[in-house]
Structures are given as C-alpha cells and as structure tokens.
Amino acid sequence: MIAGLALPSPADWQPRKVYTYGDLVYYNGSTWRALWWTQNQKPGDAYGPWEQILTTQDGTALWTPSRIFNLGDVASYQGKKYKAQWWTRNQKPGDPWGPWKLIG
C-alpha cells in the first residue's frame, strides 16, 4: 500500500510461464522478483533466479537468504537494522567479519 493506494497483488507463479528480470510473482504466501530469465524454477532457492521481497512496517527490507543486497542497502534481521558494506546474498547479518554493519 502506498499512501492509501492498494496496489494489485502479483499473479501466482506458474511453472510453464517464462519470467524475465523484474517480473513479480506470488508463491507460498510471499512476493518474489525474477533476477534473470527463468521457467519452471520454483521460487525459494537461496541462489536461484528469484529473490523474496519482504519489508517491515516502515518499509525496511527484511533480510531473506534469496534477496540480493548491494552496498549501502539497509535490512532488518531479528529486530535490528544492518547496512550492507558490499554486495551480498545468503549471508546472515551478525557475523562481525561479514558484509553487514549493525546500525540500530
């Protein structure tokens, strides 16, 4: 929802349909975005062609294993906010030597 405007939900994922970068689908209760051309690859693989799109109430991205974060992106993980120090995917925030810096 954006400023009182309800946006349409993405269509359900279909195995036979071809998806390309940026396409959104609904699968197992979540919204997923295609990262590259894909067909018949279910969303959910942490290194697959889909990233799960979840946010907190304030719009901060929730960390999920499949989501790609770039330098400067902020993510919420276990109630804390972290900032990406470089490109990362499937690296949990909290590792002091990892790509995330605790910011709040």
PDB file of N, CA and C in Angstrom:
ATOM      1  N   MET A   1       0.848  -1.166   0.000  1.00  0.00           N
ATOM      2  CA  MET A   1       0.000   0.000   0.000  1.00  0.00           C
ATOM      3  C   MET A   1       0.895   1.230   0.000  1.00  0.00           C
ATOM      4  N   ILE A   2       0.603   2.166  -0.874  1.00  0.00           N
ATOM      5  CA  ILE A   2       1.352   3.408  -0.955  1.00  0.00           C
ATOM      6  C   ILE A   2       0.381   4.553  -0.711  1.00  0.00           C
ATOM      7  N   ALA A   3       0.568   5.258   0.385  1.00  0.00           N
ATOM      8  CA  ALA A   3      -0.252   6.425   0.728  1.00  0.00           C
ATOM      9  C   ALA A   3      -1.738   6.178   0.486  1.00  0.00           C
ATOM     10  N   GLY A   4      -2.231   5.084   1.038  1.00  0.00           N
ATOM     11  CA  GLY A   4      -3.646   4.775   0.935  1.00  0.00           C
ATOM     12  C   GLY A   4      -4.057   4.123  -0.377  1.00  0.00           C
ATOM     13  N   LEU A   5      -3.115   3.908  -1.276  1.00  0.00           N
ATOM     14  CA  LEU A   5      -3.404   3.285  -2.552  1.00  0.00           C
ATOM     15  C   LEU A   5      -3.071   1.801  -2.467  1.00  0.00           C
ATOM     16  N   ALA A   6      -4.043   0.945  -2.647  1.00  0.00           N
ATOM     17  CA  ALA A   6      -3.810  -0.502  -2.615  1.00  0.00           C
ATOM     18  C   ALA A   6      -3.351  -0.953  -3.999  1.00  0.00           C
ATOM     19  N   LEU A   7      -2.148  -1.488  -4.068  1.00  0.00           N
ATOM     20  CA  LEU A   7      -1.615  -1.973  -5.340  1.00  0.00           C
ATOM     21  C   LEU A   7      -2.066  -3.410  -5.587  1.00  0.00           C
ATOM     22  N   PRO A   8      -2.244  -3.799  -6.846  1.00  0.00           N
ATOM     23  CA  PRO A   8      -2.664  -5.172  -7.122  1.00  0.00           C
ATOM     24  C   PRO A   8      -1.578  -6.165  -6.722  1.00  0.00           C
ATOM     25  N   SER A   9      -2.002  -7.315  -6.266  1.00  0.00           N
ATOM     26  CA  SER A   9      -1.054  -8.373  -5.905  1.00  0.00           C
ATOM     27  C   SER A   9      -0.512  -8.991  -7.186  1.00  0.00           C
ATOM     28  N   PRO A  10       0.754  -9.458  -7.142  1.00  0.00           N
ATOM     29  CA  PRO A  10       1.277 -10.135  -8.330  1.00  0.00           C
ATOM     30  C   PRO A  10       0.532 -11.443  -8.575  1.00  0.00           C
ATOM     31  N   ALA A  11       0.555 -11.885  -9.802  1.00  0.00           N
ATOM     32  CA  ALA A  11      -0.098 -13.147 -10.171  1.00  0.00           C
ATOM     33  C   ALA A  11       0.646 -14.321  -9.549  1.00  0.00           C
ATOM     34  N   ASP A  12      -0.053 -15.419  -9.353  1.00  0.00           N
ATOM     35  CA  ASP A  12       0.564 -16.637  -8.835  1.00  0.00           C
ATOM     36  C   ASP A  12       1.631 -17.149  -9.803  1.00  0.00           C
ATOM     37  N   TRP A  13       2.713 -17.702  -9.241  1.00  0.00           N
ATOM     38  CA  TRP A  13       3.775 -18.299 -10.037  1.00  0.00           C
ATOM     39  C   TRP A  13       3.216 -19.475 -10.836  1.00  0.00           C
ATOM     40  N   GLN A  14       3.616 -19.584 -12.105  1.00  0.00           N
ATOM     41  CA  GLN A  14       3.178 -20.666 -12.975  1.00  0.00           C
ATOM     42  C   GLN A  14       4.414 -21.333 -13.588  1.00  0.00           C
ATOM     43  N   PRO A  15       4.572 -22.647 -13.438  1.00  0.00           N
ATOM     44  CA  PRO A  15       5.780 -23.314 -13.904  1.00  0.00           C
ATOM     45  C   PRO A  15       6.037 -23.200 -15.403  1.00  0.00           C
ATOM     46  N   ARG A  16       5.016 -23.117 -16.214  1.00  0.00           N
ATOM     47  CA  ARG A  16       5.214 -23.093 -17.672  1.00  0.00           C
ATOM     48  C   ARG A  16       5.461 -21.698 -18.228  1.00  0.00           C
ATOM     49  N   LYS A  17       5.220 -20.696 -17.428  1.00  0.00           N
ATOM     50  CA  LYS A  17       5.385 -19.321 -17.893  1.00  0.00           C
ATOM     51  C   LYS A  17       6.861 -18.921 -17.875  1.00  0.00           C
ATOM     52  N   VAL A  18       7.265 -18.130 -18.860  1.00  0.00           N
ATOM     53  CA  VAL A  18       8.620 -17.576 -18.899  1.00  0.00           C
ATOM     54  C   VAL A  18       8.604 -16.249 -18.160  1.00  0.00           C
ATOM     55  N   TYR A  19       9.558 -16.081 -17.240  1.00  0.00           N
ATOM     56  CA  TYR A  19       9.710 -14.841 -16.487  1.00  0.00           C
ATOM     57  C   TYR A  19      11.068 -14.234 -16.811  1.00  0.00           C
ATOM     58  N   THR A  20      11.120 -12.920 -16.822  1.00  0.00           N
ATOM     59  CA  THR A  20      12.379 -12.219 -17.062  1.00  0.00           C
ATOM     60  C   THR A  20      12.637 -11.240 -15.924  1.00  0.00           C
ATOM     61  N   TYR A  21      13.833 -10.658 -15.922  1.00  0.00           N
ATOM     62  CA  TYR A  21      14.262  -9.769 -14.847  1.00  0.00           C
ATOM     63  C   TYR A  21      13.169  -8.772 -14.457  1.00  0.00           C
ATOM     64  N   GLY A  22      12.889  -8.725 -13.162  1.00  0.00           N
ATOM     65  CA  GLY A  22      11.938  -7.758 -12.632  1.00  0.00           C
ATOM     66  C   GLY A  22      10.516  -8.241 -12.504  1.00  0.00           C
ATOM     67  N   ASP A  23      10.182  -9.359 -13.145  1.00  0.00           N
ATOM     68  CA  ASP A  23       8.816  -9.880 -13.029  1.00  0.00           C
ATOM     69  C   ASP A  23       8.534 -10.264 -11.586  1.00  0.00           C
ATOM     70  N   LEU A  24       7.329  -9.960 -11.111  1.00  0.00           N
ATOM     71  CA  LEU A  24       6.902 -10.295  -9.755  1.00  0.00           C
ATOM     72  C   LEU A  24       5.871 -11.411  -9.797  1.00  0.00           C
ATOM     73  N   VAL A  25       5.980 -12.331  -8.835  1.00  0.00           N
ATOM     74  CA  VAL A  25       5.002 -13.410  -8.696  1.00  0.00           C
ATOM     75  C   VAL A  25       4.679 -13.596  -7.220  1.00  0.00           C
ATOM     76  N   TYR A  26       3.574 -14.282  -6.987  1.00  0.00           N
ATOM     77  CA  TYR A  26       3.171 -14.647  -5.644  1.00  0.00           C
ATOM     78  C   TYR A  26       3.323 -16.161  -5.521  1.00  0.00           C
ATOM     79  N   TYR A  27       4.063 -16.606  -4.472  1.00  0.00           N
ATOM     80  CA  TYR A  27       4.304 -18.035  -4.298  1.00  0.00           C
ATOM     81  C   TYR A  27       4.451 -18.343  -2.814  1.00  0.00           C
ATOM     82  N   ASN A  28       3.706 -19.323  -2.327  1.00  0.00           N
ATOM     83  CA  ASN A  28       3.753 -19.750  -0.917  1.00  0.00           C
ATOM     84  C   ASN A  28       3.656 -18.588   0.067  1.00  0.00           C
ATOM     85  N   GLY A  29       2.763 -17.666  -0.182  1.00  0.00           N
ATOM     86  CA  GLY A  29       2.494 -16.578   0.752  1.00  0.00           C
ATOM     87  C   GLY A  29       3.419 -15.394   0.676  1.00  0.00           C
ATOM     88  N   SER A  30       4.313 -15.339  -0.314  1.00  0.00           N
ATOM     89  CA  SER A  30       5.254 -14.224  -0.436  1.00  0.00           C
ATOM     90  C   SER A  30       5.341 -13.721  -1.872  1.00  0.00           C
ATOM     91  N   THR A  31       5.833 -12.506  -1.995  1.00  0.00           N
ATOM     92  CA  THR A  31       6.123 -11.931  -3.304  1.00  0.00           C
ATOM     93  C   THR A  31       7.579 -12.205  -3.640  1.00  0.00           C
ATOM     94  N   TRP A  32       7.826 -12.579  -4.887  1.00  0.00           N
ATOM     95  CA  TRP A  32       9.173 -12.904  -5.376  1.00  0.00           C
ATOM     96  C   TRP A  32       9.425 -12.117  -6.655  1.00  0.00           C
ATOM     97  N   ARG A  33      10.698 -11.691  -6.859  1.00  0.00           N
ATOM     98  CA  ARG A  33      11.093 -10.958  -8.058  1.00  0.00           C
ATOM     99  C   ARG A  33      12.115 -11.782  -8.836  1.00  0.00           C
ATOM    100  N   ALA A  34      11.893 -11.891 -10.157  1.00  0.00           N
ATOM    101  CA  ALA A  34      12.832 -12.620 -11.013  1.00  0.00           C
ATOM    102  C   ALA A  34      14.120 -11.813 -11.167  1.00  0.00           C
ATOM    103  N   LEU A  35      15.245 -12.499 -11.059  1.00  0.00           N
ATOM    104  CA  LEU A  35      16.557 -11.868 -11.204  1.00  0.00           C
ATOM    105  C   LEU A  35      17.142 -12.059 -12.590  1.00  0.00           C
ATOM    106  N   TRP A  36      16.637 -13.037 -13.329  1.00  0.00           N
ATOM    107  CA  TRP A  36      17.039 -13.296 -14.704  1.00  0.00           C
ATOM    108  C   TRP A  36      15.970 -14.171 -15.339  1.00  0.00           C
ATOM    109  N   TRP A  37      16.149 -14.499 -16.608  1.00  0.00           N
ATOM    110  CA  TRP A  37      15.201 -15.338 -17.328  1.00  0.00           C
ATOM    111  C   TRP A  37      15.040 -16.664 -16.595  1.00  0.00           C
ATOM    112  N   THR A  38      13.808 -17.094 -16.438  1.00  0.00           N
ATOM    113  CA  THR A  38      13.553 -18.364 -15.764  1.00  0.00           C
ATOM    114  C   THR A  38      12.231 -18.957 -16.227  1.00  0.00           C
ATOM    115  N   GLN A  39      12.195 -20.272 -16.205  1.00  0.00           N
ATOM    116  CA  GLN A  39      10.970 -21.014 -16.488  1.00  0.00           C
ATOM    117  C   GLN A  39      11.047 -22.322 -15.715  1.00  0.00           C
ATOM    118  N   ASN A  40       9.968 -22.678 -15.034  1.00  0.00           N
ATOM    119  CA  ASN A  40       9.859 -23.931 -14.300  1.00  0.00           C
ATOM    120  C   ASN A  40      10.865 -24.061 -13.147  1.00  0.00           C
ATOM    121  N   GLN A  41      11.332 -22.937 -12.597  1.00  0.00           N
ATOM    122  CA  GLN A  41      12.187 -22.956 -11.406  1.00  0.00           C
ATOM    123  C   GLN A  41      11.409 -22.277 -10.287  1.00  0.00           C
ATOM    124  N   LYS A  42      10.990 -23.074  -9.308  1.00  0.00           N
ATOM    125  CA  LYS A  42      10.186 -22.549  -8.212  1.00  0.00           C
ATOM    126  C   LYS A  42      10.964 -21.520  -7.394  1.00  0.00           C
ATOM    127  N   PRO A  43      10.286 -20.459  -6.957  1.00  0.00           N
ATOM    128  CA  PRO A  43      10.921 -19.539  -6.017  1.00  0.00           C
ATOM    129  C   PRO A  43      11.261 -20.268  -4.717  1.00  0.00           C
ATOM    130  N   GLY A  44      12.366 -19.871  -4.098  1.00  0.00           N
ATOM    131  CA  GLY A  44      12.736 -20.432  -2.806  1.00  0.00           C
ATOM    132  C   GLY A  44      14.175 -20.850  -2.665  1.00  0.00           C
ATOM    133  N   ASP A  45      14.869 -21.103  -3.766  1.00  0.00           N
ATOM    134  CA  ASP A  45      16.280 -21.476  -3.712  1.00  0.00           C
ATOM    135  C   ASP A  45      17.094 -20.217  -3.428  1.00  0.00           C
ATOM    136  N   ALA A  46      17.927 -20.253  -2.382  1.00  0.00           N
ATOM    137  CA  ALA A  46      18.699 -19.069  -1.980  1.00  0.00           C
ATOM    138  C   ALA A  46      19.644 -18.574  -3.068  1.00  0.00           C
ATOM    139  N   TYR A  47      20.002 -19.416  -4.022  1.00  0.00           N
ATOM    140  CA  TYR A  47      20.889 -19.000  -5.113  1.00  0.00           C
ATOM    141  C   TYR A  47      20.224 -19.108  -6.472  1.00  0.00           C
ATOM    142  N   GLY A  48      18.906 -19.261  -6.481  1.00  0.00           N
ATOM    143  CA  GLY A  48      18.162 -19.410  -7.722  1.00  0.00           C
ATOM    144  C   GLY A  48      17.809 -18.084  -8.358  1.00  0.00           C
ATOM    145  N   PRO A  49      16.909 -18.124  -9.348  1.00  0.00           N
ATOM    146  CA  PRO A  49      16.569 -16.942 -10.126  1.00  0.00           C
ATOM    147  C   PRO A  49      15.557 -16.005  -9.475  1.00  0.00           C
ATOM    148  N   TRP A  50      15.164 -16.290  -8.239  1.00  0.00           N
ATOM    149  CA  TRP A  50      14.149 -15.472  -7.561  1.00  0.00           C
ATOM    150  C   TRP A  50      14.693 -14.896  -6.261  1.00  0.00           C
ATOM    151  N   GLU A  51      14.267 -13.652  -5.939  1.00  0.00           N
ATOM    152  CA  GLU A  51      14.548 -13.098  -4.622  1.00  0.00           C
ATOM    153  C   GLU A  51      13.223 -12.767  -3.946  1.00  0.00           C
ATOM    154  N   GLN A  52      13.144 -13.107  -2.655  1.00  0.00           N
ATOM    155  CA  GLN A  52      11.932 -12.882  -1.882  1.00  0.00           C
ATOM    156  C   GLN A  52      11.893 -11.417  -1.452  1.00  0.00           C
ATOM    157  N   ILE A  53      10.749 -10.794  -1.638  1.00  0.00           N
ATOM    158  CA  ILE A  53      10.592  -9.381  -1.330  1.00  0.00           C
ATOM    159  C   ILE A  53       9.678  -9.240  -0.108  1.00  0.00           C
ATOM    160  N   LEU A  54      10.279  -8.972   1.040  1.00  0.00           N
ATOM    161  CA  LEU A  54       9.536  -8.734   2.273  1.00  0.00           C
ATOM    162  C   LEU A  54      10.036  -7.443   2.893  1.00  0.00           C
ATOM    163  N   THR A  55       9.138  -6.697   3.546  1.00  0.00           N
ATOM    164  CA  THR A  55       9.528  -5.461   4.213  1.00  0.00           C
ATOM    165  C   THR A  55       8.881  -5.367   5.589  1.00  0.00           C
ATOM    166  N   THR A  56       9.460  -4.517   6.429  1.00  0.00           N
ATOM    167  CA  THR A  56       8.882  -4.228   7.740  1.00  0.00           C
ATOM    168  C   THR A  56       7.767  -3.199   7.555  1.00  0.00           C
ATOM    169  N   GLN A  57       7.087  -2.857   8.642  1.00  0.00           N
ATOM    170  CA  GLN A  57       6.013  -1.863   8.597  1.00  0.00           C
ATOM    171  C   GLN A  57       6.506  -0.517   8.075  1.00  0.00           C
ATOM    172  N   ASP A  58       7.769  -0.167   8.388  1.00  0.00           N
ATOM    173  CA  ASP A  58       8.291   1.133   7.950  1.00  0.00           C
ATOM    174  C   ASP A  58       8.917   1.081   6.554  1.00  0.00           C
ATOM    175  N   GLY A  59       8.836  -0.054   5.876  1.00  0.00           N
ATOM    176  CA  GLY A  59       9.342  -0.175   4.521  1.00  0.00           C
ATOM    177  C   GLY A  59      10.770  -0.679   4.405  1.00  0.00           C
ATOM    178  N   THR A  60      11.429  -0.956   5.532  1.00  0.00           N
ATOM    179  CA  THR A  60      12.783  -1.501   5.502  1.00  0.00           C
ATOM    180  C   THR A  60      12.734  -2.933   4.987  1.00  0.00           C
ATOM    181  N   ALA A  61      13.681  -3.282   4.132  1.00  0.00           N
ATOM    182  CA  ALA A  61      13.748  -4.644   3.614  1.00  0.00           C
ATOM    183  C   ALA A  61      14.029  -5.621   4.747  1.00  0.00           C
ATOM    184  N   LEU A  62      13.337  -6.748   4.749  1.00  0.00           N
ATOM    185  CA  LEU A  62      13.647  -7.829   5.676  1.00  0.00           C
ATOM    186  C   LEU A  62      14.701  -8.706   5.026  1.00  0.00           C
ATOM    187  N   TRP A  63      15.714  -9.098   5.798  1.00  0.00           N
ATOM    188  CA  TRP A  63      16.731  -9.988   5.253  1.00  0.00           C
ATOM    189  C   TRP A  63      16.104 -11.353   4.995  1.00  0.00           C
ATOM    190  N   THR A  64      16.316 -11.875   3.806  1.00  0.00           N
ATOM    191  CA  THR A  64      15.950 -13.246   3.469  1.00  0.00           C
ATOM    192  C   THR A  64      17.134 -13.832   2.704  1.00  0.00           C
ATOM    193  N   PRO A  65      17.342 -15.146   2.760  1.00  0.00           N
ATOM    194  CA  PRO A  65      18.507 -15.747   2.100  1.00  0.00           C
ATOM    195  C   PRO A  65      18.584 -15.483   0.594  1.00  0.00           C
ATOM    196  N   SER A  66      17.445 -15.383  -0.071  1.00  0.00           N
ATOM    197  CA  SER A  66      17.444 -15.251  -1.530  1.00  0.00           C
ATOM    198  C   SER A  66      17.589 -13.812  -2.016  1.00  0.00           C
ATOM    199  N   ARG A  67      17.416 -12.848  -1.122  1.00  0.00           N
ATOM    200  CA  ARG A  67      17.424 -11.444  -1.553  1.00  0.00           C
ATOM    201  C   ARG A  67      18.846 -10.923  -1.733  1.00  0.00           C
ATOM    202  N   ILE A  68      19.041 -10.179  -2.794  1.00  0.00           N
ATOM    203  CA  ILE A  68      20.335  -9.553  -3.062  1.00  0.00           C
ATOM    204  C   ILE A  68      20.341  -8.161  -2.443  1.00  0.00           C
ATOM    205  N   PHE A  69      21.427  -7.864  -1.738  1.00  0.00           N
ATOM    206  CA  PHE A  69      21.628  -6.538  -1.161  1.00  0.00           C
ATOM    207  C   PHE A  69      22.930  -5.980  -1.710  1.00  0.00           C
ATOM    208  N   ASN A  70      22.920  -4.690  -2.010  1.00  0.00           N
ATOM    209  CA  ASN A  70      24.088  -4.006  -2.536  1.00  0.00           C
ATOM    210  C   ASN A  70      24.659  -3.047  -1.496  1.00  0.00           C
ATOM    211  N   LEU A  71      25.845  -2.560  -1.741  1.00  0.00           N
ATOM    212  CA  LEU A  71      26.498  -1.591  -0.870  1.00  0.00           C
ATOM    213  C   LEU A  71      25.523  -0.491  -0.464  1.00  0.00           C
ATOM    214  N   GLY A  72      25.369  -0.290   0.849  1.00  0.00           N
ATOM    215  CA  GLY A  72      24.514   0.770   1.368  1.00  0.00           C
ATOM    216  C   GLY A  72      23.077   0.372   1.640  1.00  0.00           C
ATOM    217  N   ASP A  73      22.639  -0.780   1.140  1.00  0.00           N
ATOM    218  CA  ASP A  73      21.269  -1.224   1.408  1.00  0.00           C
ATOM    219  C   ASP A  73      21.098  -1.515   2.894  1.00  0.00           C
ATOM    220  N   VAL A  74      19.918  -1.221   3.420  1.00  0.00           N
ATOM    221  CA  VAL A  74      19.599  -1.481   4.816  1.00  0.00           C
ATOM    222  C   VAL A  74      18.607  -2.636   4.883  1.00  0.00           C
ATOM    223  N   ALA A  75      18.851  -3.532   5.841  1.00  0.00           N
ATOM    224  CA  ALA A  75      17.961  -4.674   6.035  1.00  0.00           C
ATOM    225  C   ALA A  75      17.689  -4.863   7.518  1.00  0.00           C
ATOM    226  N   SER A  76      16.508  -5.362   7.815  1.00  0.00           N
ATOM    227  CA  SER A  76      16.146  -5.708   9.180  1.00  0.00           C
ATOM    228  C   SER A  76      16.309  -7.212   9.358  1.00  0.00           C
ATOM    229  N   TYR A  77      16.951  -7.586  10.475  1.00  0.00           N
ATOM    230  CA  TYR A  77      17.146  -9.000  10.778  1.00  0.00           C
ATOM    231  C   TYR A  77      17.045  -9.180  12.289  1.00  0.00           C
ATOM    232  N   GLN A  78      16.119 -10.011  12.721  1.00  0.00           N
ATOM    233  CA  GLN A  78      15.873 -10.290  14.139  1.00  0.00           C
ATOM    234  C   GLN A  78      15.710  -9.008  14.947  1.00  0.00           C
ATOM    235  N   GLY A  79      14.951  -8.053  14.382  1.00  0.00           N
ATOM    236  CA  GLY A  79      14.612  -6.819  15.079  1.00  0.00           C
ATOM    237  C   GLY A  79      15.688  -5.749  15.077  1.00  0.00           C
ATOM    238  N   LYS A  80      16.806  -5.986  14.408  1.00  0.00           N
ATOM    239  CA  LYS A  80      17.880  -4.996  14.330  1.00  0.00           C
ATOM    240  C   LYS A  80      18.096  -4.609  12.870  1.00  0.00           C
ATOM    241  N   LYS A  81      18.634  -3.391  12.672  1.00  0.00           N
ATOM    242  CA  LYS A  81      18.907  -2.928  11.319  1.00  0.00           C
ATOM    243  C   LYS A  81      20.401  -3.005  11.028  1.00  0.00           C
ATOM    244  N   TYR A  82      20.691  -3.424   9.802  1.00  0.00           N
ATOM    245  CA  TYR A  82      22.070  -3.576   9.337  1.00  0.00           C
ATOM    246  C   TYR A  82      22.222  -2.892   7.986  1.00  0.00           C
ATOM    247  N   LYS A  83      23.435  -2.418   7.705  1.00  0.00           N
ATOM    248  CA  LYS A  83      23.745  -1.813   6.411  1.00  0.00           C
ATOM    249  C   LYS A  83      24.762  -2.697   5.692  1.00  0.00           C
ATOM    250  N   ALA A  84      24.497  -2.978   4.411  1.00  0.00           N
ATOM    251  CA  ALA A  84      25.409  -3.800   3.613  1.00  0.00           C
ATOM    252  C   ALA A  84      26.668  -3.004   3.284  1.00  0.00           C
ATOM    253  N   GLN A  85      27.816  -3.641   3.518  1.00  0.00           N
ATOM    254  CA  GLN A  85      29.100  -2.998   3.233  1.00  0.00           C
ATOM    255  C   GLN A  85      29.620  -3.375   1.846  1.00  0.00           C
ATOM    256  N   TRP A  86      29.000  -4.376   1.215  1.00  0.00           N
ATOM    257  CA  TRP A  86      29.284  -4.781  -0.154  1.00  0.00           C
ATOM    258  C   TRP A  86      28.141  -5.675  -0.617  1.00  0.00           C
ATOM    259  N   TRP A  87      28.172  -6.085  -1.883  1.00  0.00           N
ATOM    260  CA  TRP A  87      27.142  -6.960  -2.442  1.00  0.00           C
ATOM    261  C   TRP A  87      27.081  -8.240  -1.613  1.00  0.00           C
ATOM    262  N   THR A  88      25.869  -8.695  -1.341  1.00  0.00           N
ATOM    263  CA  THR A  88      25.716  -9.913  -0.549  1.00  0.00           C
ATOM    264  C   THR A  88      24.416 -10.626  -0.880  1.00  0.00           C
ATOM    265  N   ARG A  89      24.467 -11.934  -0.753  1.00  0.00           N
ATOM    266  CA  ARG A  89      23.281 -12.778  -0.881  1.00  0.00           C
ATOM    267  C   ARG A  89      23.502 -14.010  -0.019  1.00  0.00           C
ATOM    268  N   ASN A  90      22.516 -14.355   0.786  1.00  0.00           N
ATOM    269  CA  ASN A  90      22.538 -15.531   1.655  1.00  0.00           C
ATOM    270  C   ASN A  90      23.662 -15.485   2.704  1.00  0.00           C
ATOM    271  N   GLN A  91      24.006 -14.291   3.183  1.00  0.00           N
ATOM    272  CA  GLN A  91      24.948 -14.137   4.295  1.00  0.00           C
ATOM    273  C   GLN A  91      24.209 -13.400   5.404  1.00  0.00           C
ATOM    274  N   LYS A  92      23.883 -14.113   6.480  1.00  0.00           N
ATOM    275  CA  LYS A  92      23.100 -13.538   7.570  1.00  0.00           C
ATOM    276  C   LYS A  92      23.825 -12.385   8.243  1.00  0.00           C
ATOM    277  N   PRO A  93      23.091 -11.332   8.573  1.00  0.00           N
ATOM    278  CA  PRO A  93      23.671 -10.266   9.383  1.00  0.00           C
ATOM    279  C   PRO A  93      24.075 -10.808  10.757  1.00  0.00           C
ATOM    280  N   GLY A  94      25.101 -10.205  11.332  1.00  0.00           N
ATOM    281  CA  GLY A  94      25.539 -10.578  12.675  1.00  0.00           C
ATOM    282  C   GLY A  94      26.964 -11.087  12.739  1.00  0.00           C
ATOM    283  N   ASP A  95      27.502 -11.563  11.624  1.00  0.00           N
ATOM    284  CA  ASP A  95      28.891 -12.027  11.585  1.00  0.00           C
ATOM    285  C   ASP A  95      29.795 -10.786  11.564  1.00  0.00           C
ATOM    286  N   PRO A  96      30.673 -10.610  12.568  1.00  0.00           N
ATOM    287  CA  PRO A  96      31.497  -9.394  12.608  1.00  0.00           C
ATOM    288  C   PRO A  96      32.440  -9.254  11.414  1.00  0.00           C
ATOM    289  N   TRP A  97      32.728 -10.336  10.705  1.00  0.00           N
ATOM    290  CA  TRP A  97      33.616 -10.286   9.536  1.00  0.00           C
ATOM    291  C   TRP A  97      32.830 -10.349   8.227  1.00  0.00           C
ATOM    292  N   GLY A  98      31.521 -10.363   8.338  1.00  0.00           N
ATOM    293  CA  GLY A  98      30.671 -10.466   7.150  1.00  0.00           C
ATOM    294  C   GLY A  98      30.364  -9.111   6.535  1.00  0.00           C
ATOM    295  N   PRO A  99      29.432  -9.101   5.581  1.00  0.00           N
ATOM    296  CA  PRO A  99      29.138  -7.898   4.816  1.00  0.00           C
ATOM    297  C   PRO A  99      28.237  -6.881   5.511  1.00  0.00           C
ATOM    298  N   TRP A 100      27.768  -7.204   6.728  1.00  0.00           N
ATOM    299  CA  TRP A 100      26.787  -6.346   7.378  1.00  0.00           C
ATOM    300  C   TRP A 100      27.385  -5.568   8.545  1.00  0.00           C
ATOM    301  N   LYS A 101      26.929  -4.297   8.677  1.00  0.00           N
ATOM    302  CA  LYS A 101      27.315  -3.457   9.810  1.00  0.00           C
ATOM    303  C   LYS A 101      26.049  -3.096  10.568  1.00  0.00           C
ATOM    304  N   LEU A 102      26.042  -3.368  11.874  1.00  0.00           N
ATOM    305  CA  LEU A 102      24.888  -3.038  12.714  1.00  0.00           C
ATOM    306  C   LEU A 102      24.731  -1.526  12.790  1.00  0.00           C
ATOM    307  N   ILE A 103      23.509  -1.056  12.517  1.00  0.00           N
ATOM    308  CA  ILE A 103      23.247   0.387  12.590  1.00  0.00           C
ATOM    309  C   ILE A 103      22.114   0.727  13.543  1.00  0.00           C
ATOM    310  N   GLY A 104      21.451  -0.258  14.112  1.00  0.00           N
ATOM    311  CA  GLY A 104      20.389   0.067  15.059  1.00  0.00           C
ATOM    312  C   GLY A 104      19.456  -1.045  15.356  1.00  0.00           C
TER     313      GLY A 104
END
